[in-house]
């Protein structure tokens, strides 16, 4: 049974994602760039080579702080095992972003 999923995400200059949450926790490694993530209402500023975690079922969103350079985030989660056990849930934030 697969147990770990890996993702790479590029945020274009000035780009921000919508807030969402899922039962899987996630560990992020900043490959390139700088930005800010909001995790359950708490801002986390990040830059090259930083690592941060998002606990399961916490709303989170990411934004690139640069107007000229992309930001790249690599993440891994235990989503495959939760999916196999029918425990994976995902939900968009009702307002799109956290206040």
C-alpha atoms as a PDB file:
ATOM      1  CA  UNK A   1       0.000   0.000   0.000  1.00  0.00           C
ATOM      2  CA  UNK A   2       1.447   3.426  -0.934  1.00  0.00           C
ATOM      3  CA  UNK A   3       1.954   5.553   2.161  1.00  0.00           C
ATOM      4  CA  UNK A   4       3.528   8.843   1.034  1.00  0.00           C
ATOM      5  CA  UNK A   5       2.624  11.357  -1.676  1.00  0.00           C
ATOM      6  CA  UNK A   6       5.096  13.988  -2.913  1.00  0.00           C
ATOM      7  CA  UNK A   7       4.189  17.221  -4.679  1.00  0.00           C
ATOM      8  CA  UNK A   8       6.081  20.148  -6.135  1.00  0.00           C
ATOM      9  CA  UNK A   9       4.279  23.464  -6.439  1.00  0.00           C
ATOM     10  CA  UNK A  10       5.395  26.628  -8.209  1.00  0.00           C
ATOM     11  CA  UNK A  11       3.884  29.946  -7.192  1.00  0.00           C
ATOM     12  CA  UNK A  12       4.297  32.589  -9.876  1.00  0.00           C
ATOM     13  CA  UNK A  13       5.448  36.070  -8.813  1.00  0.00           C
ATOM     14  CA  UNK A  14       2.743  37.565  -6.578  1.00  0.00           C
ATOM     15  CA  UNK A  15       0.566  34.429  -6.787  1.00  0.00           C
ATOM     16  CA  UNK A  16      -1.470  33.227  -3.795  1.00  0.00           C
ATOM     17  CA  UNK A  17      -3.469  30.043  -3.337  1.00  0.00           C
ATOM     18  CA  UNK A  18      -6.952  29.647  -1.886  1.00  0.00           C
ATOM     19  CA  UNK A  19      -7.218  28.260   1.636  1.00  0.00           C
ATOM     20  CA  UNK A  20      -8.200  24.631   2.078  1.00  0.00           C
ATOM     21  CA  UNK A  21      -7.744  21.788   4.529  1.00  0.00           C
ATOM     22  CA  UNK A  22      -7.430  18.018   4.431  1.00  0.00           C
ATOM     23  CA  UNK A  23      -7.049  15.252   6.965  1.00  0.00           C
ATOM     24  CA  UNK A  24      -3.503  14.513   5.774  1.00  0.00           C
ATOM     25  CA  UNK A  25      -0.695  16.463   7.410  1.00  0.00           C
ATOM     26  CA  UNK A  26       1.986  17.968   5.160  1.00  0.00           C
ATOM     27  CA  UNK A  27       5.675  18.814   5.442  1.00  0.00           C
ATOM     28  CA  UNK A  28       6.894  21.593   3.122  1.00  0.00           C
ATOM     29  CA  UNK A  29      10.464  22.296   2.005  1.00  0.00           C
ATOM     30  CA  UNK A  30      11.105  25.652   0.317  1.00  0.00           C
ATOM     31  CA  UNK A  31      13.142  24.848  -2.785  1.00  0.00           C
ATOM     32  CA  UNK A  32      13.278  28.407  -4.095  1.00  0.00           C
ATOM     33  CA  UNK A  33      11.947  31.859  -3.304  1.00  0.00           C
ATOM     34  CA  UNK A  34      10.265  33.487  -0.350  1.00  0.00           C
ATOM     35  CA  UNK A  35       6.723  33.898   0.767  1.00  0.00           C
ATOM     36  CA  UNK A  36       4.139  33.469   3.470  1.00  0.00           C
ATOM     37  CA  UNK A  37       1.810  30.680   4.427  1.00  0.00           C
ATOM     38  CA  UNK A  38      -1.161  31.064   6.738  1.00  0.00           C
ATOM     39  CA  UNK A  39      -1.866  27.922   8.745  1.00  0.00           C
ATOM     40  CA  UNK A  40      -5.054  27.963  10.810  1.00  0.00           C
ATOM     41  CA  UNK A  41      -4.836  31.766  11.064  1.00  0.00           C
ATOM     42  CA  UNK A  42      -1.113  31.912  11.944  1.00  0.00           C
ATOM     43  CA  UNK A  43       1.287  33.481   9.431  1.00  0.00           C
ATOM     44  CA  UNK A  44       4.553  31.681   8.651  1.00  0.00           C
ATOM     45  CA  UNK A  45       7.160  33.588   6.621  1.00  0.00           C
ATOM     46  CA  UNK A  46       9.518  31.339   4.669  1.00  0.00           C
ATOM     47  CA  UNK A  47      12.509  31.497   2.321  1.00  0.00           C
ATOM     48  CA  UNK A  48      14.984  29.180   0.557  1.00  0.00           C
ATOM     49  CA  UNK A  49      15.721  25.936   2.422  1.00  0.00           C
ATOM     50  CA  UNK A  50      13.114  26.483   5.177  1.00  0.00           C
ATOM     51  CA  UNK A  51      10.934  23.580   6.301  1.00  0.00           C
ATOM     52  CA  UNK A  52       7.492  23.896   7.894  1.00  0.00           C
ATOM     53  CA  UNK A  53       4.612  21.579   8.736  1.00  0.00           C
ATOM     54  CA  UNK A  54       0.856  21.814   8.322  1.00  0.00           C
ATOM     55  CA  UNK A  55      -1.039  19.551  10.733  1.00  0.00           C
ATOM     56  CA  UNK A  56      -4.003  17.621   9.401  1.00  0.00           C
ATOM     57  CA  UNK A  57      -7.371  19.406   9.142  1.00  0.00           C
ATOM     58  CA  UNK A  58      -5.819  22.882   9.466  1.00  0.00           C
ATOM     59  CA  UNK A  59      -6.741  25.471   6.861  1.00  0.00           C
ATOM     60  CA  UNK A  60      -3.672  26.624   4.943  1.00  0.00           C
ATOM     61  CA  UNK A  61      -2.762  28.833   2.010  1.00  0.00           C
ATOM     62  CA  UNK A  62       0.499  29.965   0.429  1.00  0.00           C
ATOM     63  CA  UNK A  63       1.634  33.211  -1.220  1.00  0.00           C
ATOM     64  CA  UNK A  64       4.761  34.197  -3.132  1.00  0.00           C
ATOM     65  CA  UNK A  65       6.208  37.400  -1.622  1.00  0.00           C
ATOM     66  CA  UNK A  66       8.186  38.303  -4.760  1.00  0.00           C
ATOM     67  CA  UNK A  67       6.827  40.304  -7.682  1.00  0.00           C
ATOM     68  CA  UNK A  68       9.618  39.086  -9.973  1.00  0.00           C
ATOM     69  CA  UNK A  69      10.741  35.555  -8.999  1.00  0.00           C
ATOM     70  CA  UNK A  70       8.799  32.292  -8.687  1.00  0.00           C
ATOM     71  CA  UNK A  71       8.649  30.369  -5.408  1.00  0.00           C
ATOM     72  CA  UNK A  72       8.837  26.567  -5.367  1.00  0.00           C
ATOM     73  CA  UNK A  73       7.527  24.358  -2.548  1.00  0.00           C
ATOM     74  CA  UNK A  74       8.115  20.609  -2.272  1.00  0.00           C
ATOM     75  CA  UNK A  75       5.753  18.752   0.056  1.00  0.00           C
ATOM     76  CA  UNK A  76       4.960  15.266   1.198  1.00  0.00           C
ATOM     77  CA  UNK A  77       1.898  13.857   2.961  1.00  0.00           C
ATOM     78  CA  UNK A  78       0.445  10.577   4.154  1.00  0.00           C
ATOM     79  CA  UNK A  79      -2.602  11.082   1.901  1.00  0.00           C
ATOM     80  CA  UNK A  80      -2.299   7.712   0.086  1.00  0.00           C
ATOM     81  CA  UNK A  81      -2.667   5.675   3.258  1.00  0.00           C
ATOM     82  CA  UNK A  82      -5.572   7.832   4.446  1.00  0.00           C
ATOM     83  CA  UNK A  83      -7.229   7.399   1.034  1.00  0.00           C
ATOM     84  CA  UNK A  84      -6.761   3.612   1.195  1.00  0.00           C
ATOM     85  CA  UNK A  85      -8.424   3.573   4.620  1.00  0.00           C
ATOM     86  CA  UNK A  86     -11.266   5.883   3.441  1.00  0.00           C
ATOM     87  CA  UNK A  87     -10.105   8.562   5.887  1.00  0.00           C
ATOM     88  CA  UNK A  88      -8.975  11.276   3.464  1.00  0.00           C
ATOM     89  CA  UNK A  89     -11.203  14.349   3.479  1.00  0.00           C
ATOM     90  CA  UNK A  90     -10.652  17.720   1.782  1.00  0.00           C
ATOM     91  CA  UNK A  91     -12.505  21.006   2.179  1.00  0.00           C
ATOM     92  CA  UNK A  92     -12.118  24.486   0.684  1.00  0.00           C
ATOM     93  CA  UNK A  93     -12.300  27.455   3.053  1.00  0.00           C
ATOM     94  CA  UNK A  94     -15.829  28.911   2.856  1.00  0.00           C
ATOM     95  CA  UNK A  95     -14.458  32.460   2.349  1.00  0.00           C
ATOM     96  CA  UNK A  96     -11.690  31.446  -0.059  1.00  0.00           C
ATOM     97  CA  UNK A  97      -8.961  32.820   2.219  1.00  0.00           C
ATOM     98  CA  UNK A  98      -8.372  33.154   5.936  1.00  0.00           C
ATOM     99  CA  UNK A  99      -8.845  36.590   7.445  1.00  0.00           C
END
